[in-house]
C-alpha atoms as a PDB file:
ATOM      1  CA  MET A   1     144.745-142.721-125.092  1.00  0.00           C
ATOM      2  CA  ALA A   2     141.706-143.665-127.173  1.00  0.00           C
ATOM      3  CA  VAL A   3     138.746-141.645-128.353  1.00  0.00           C
ATOM      4  CA  ASP A   4     136.487-140.718-125.436  1.00  0.00           C
ATOM      5  CA  PRO A   5     133.379-142.980-125.452  1.00  0.00           C
ATOM      6  CA  GLU A   6     131.144-139.943-124.860  1.00  0.00           C
ATOM      7  CA  LEU A   7     132.601-138.255-127.955  1.00  0.00           C
ATOM      8  CA  LEU A   8     132.276-141.440-129.992  1.00  0.00           C
ATOM      9  CA  ALA A   9     128.598-141.658-129.045  1.00  0.00           C
ATOM     10  CA  ILE A  10     127.855-138.290-130.672  1.00  0.00           C
ATOM     11  CA  LEU A  11     130.152-138.400-133.731  1.00  0.00           C
ATOM     12  CA  ALA A  12     128.493-138.878-137.118  1.00  0.00           C
ATOM     13  CA  CYS A  13     129.635-138.916-140.717  1.00  0.00           C
ATOM     14  CA  PRO A  14     129.561-135.339-142.080  1.00  0.00           C
ATOM     15  CA  GLU A  15     128.379-136.634-145.483  1.00  0.00           C
ATOM     16  CA  CYS A  16     125.382-138.831-144.593  1.00  0.00           C
ATOM     17  CA  LYS A  17     124.964-138.205-140.822  1.00  0.00           C
ATOM     18  CA  THR A  18     125.289-141.916-139.913  1.00  0.00           C
ATOM     19  CA  PRO A  19     126.999-142.722-136.564  1.00  0.00           C
ATOM     20  CA  VAL A  20     130.599-143.921-136.973  1.00  0.00           C
ATOM     21  CA  THR A  21     132.388-146.852-135.341  1.00  0.00           C
ATOM     22  CA  LEU A  22     136.030-147.497-134.461  1.00  0.00           C
ATOM     23  CA  VAL A  23     138.059-149.570-136.946  1.00  0.00           C
ATOM     24  CA  HIS A  24     141.704-150.536-137.541  1.00  0.00           C
ATOM     25  CA  ASN A  25     142.508-150.938-133.833  1.00  0.00           C
ATOM     26  CA  GLY A  26     141.308-147.429-133.071  1.00  0.00           C
ATOM     27  CA  ALA A  27     143.135-145.748-135.970  1.00  0.00           C
ATOM     28  CA  GLY A  28     139.968-144.665-137.758  1.00  0.00           C
ATOM     29  CA  LEU A  29     136.220-144.146-137.621  1.00  0.00           C
ATOM     30  CA  LYS A  30     134.064-145.823-140.272  1.00  0.00           C
ATOM     31  CA  CYS A  31     130.627-144.927-141.568  1.00  0.00           C
ATOM     32  CA  ALA A  32     128.583-148.034-142.378  1.00  0.00           C
ATOM     33  CA  THR A  33     126.423-146.198-144.922  1.00  0.00           C
ATOM     34  CA  CYS A  34     128.890-144.454-147.239  1.00  0.00           C
ATOM     35  CA  MET A  35     131.898-146.599-146.211  1.00  0.00           C
ATOM     36  CA  ARG A  36     134.169-143.618-145.512  1.00  0.00           C
ATOM     37  CA  VAL A  37     136.929-144.054-142.931  1.00  0.00           C
ATOM     38  CA  TYR A  38     137.985-140.916-141.081  1.00  0.00           C
ATOM     39  CA  PRO A  39     141.488-140.999-139.565  1.00  0.00           C
ATOM     40  CA  ILE A  40     142.301-140.416-135.913  1.00  0.00           C
ATOM     41  CA  LYS A  41     145.465-138.324-135.551  1.00  0.00           C
ATOM     42  CA  ASP A  42     146.983-137.668-132.123  1.00  0.00           C
ATOM     43  CA  ASP A  43     143.788-139.050-130.510  1.00  0.00           C
ATOM     44  CA  ILE A  44     141.661-136.498-132.398  1.00  0.00           C
ATOM     45  CA  PRO A  45     139.130-137.679-135.013  1.00  0.00           C
ATOM     46  CA  VAL A  46     139.585-135.828-138.302  1.00  0.00           C
ATOM     47  CA  MET A  47     136.003-135.663-139.576  1.00  0.00           C
ATOM     48  CA  LEU A  48     136.759-133.959-142.888  1.00  0.00           C
ATOM     49  CA  LEU A  49     135.601-135.390-146.225  1.00  0.00           C
ATOM     50  CA  ASP A  50     138.944-134.491-147.813  1.00  0.00           C
ATOM     51  CA  GLU A  51     140.813-136.597-145.219  1.00  0.00           C
ATOM     52  CA  ALA A  52     138.526-139.656-145.462  1.00  0.00           C
ATOM     53  CA  THR A  53     139.202-142.777-147.488  1.00  0.00           C
ATOM     54  CA  VAL A  54     136.532-145.080-148.897  1.00  0.00           C
ATOM     55  CA  GLU A  55     136.702-148.796-148.057  1.00  0.00           C
ATOM     56  CA  ALA A  56     134.521-151.619-149.259  1.00  0.00           C
END
């Protein structure tokens, strides 16, 4: 099961408030502004700065 499209439409990066998009075949959510990728664990987005990785 993937992230609910209605939930995805309202999720934003907690650091810069930019909307996030799915990446890595649905394994993460990426912010285009600060380049953080938030993991999705057990179909639940983990929107914590400590859990995010930064990708170029």
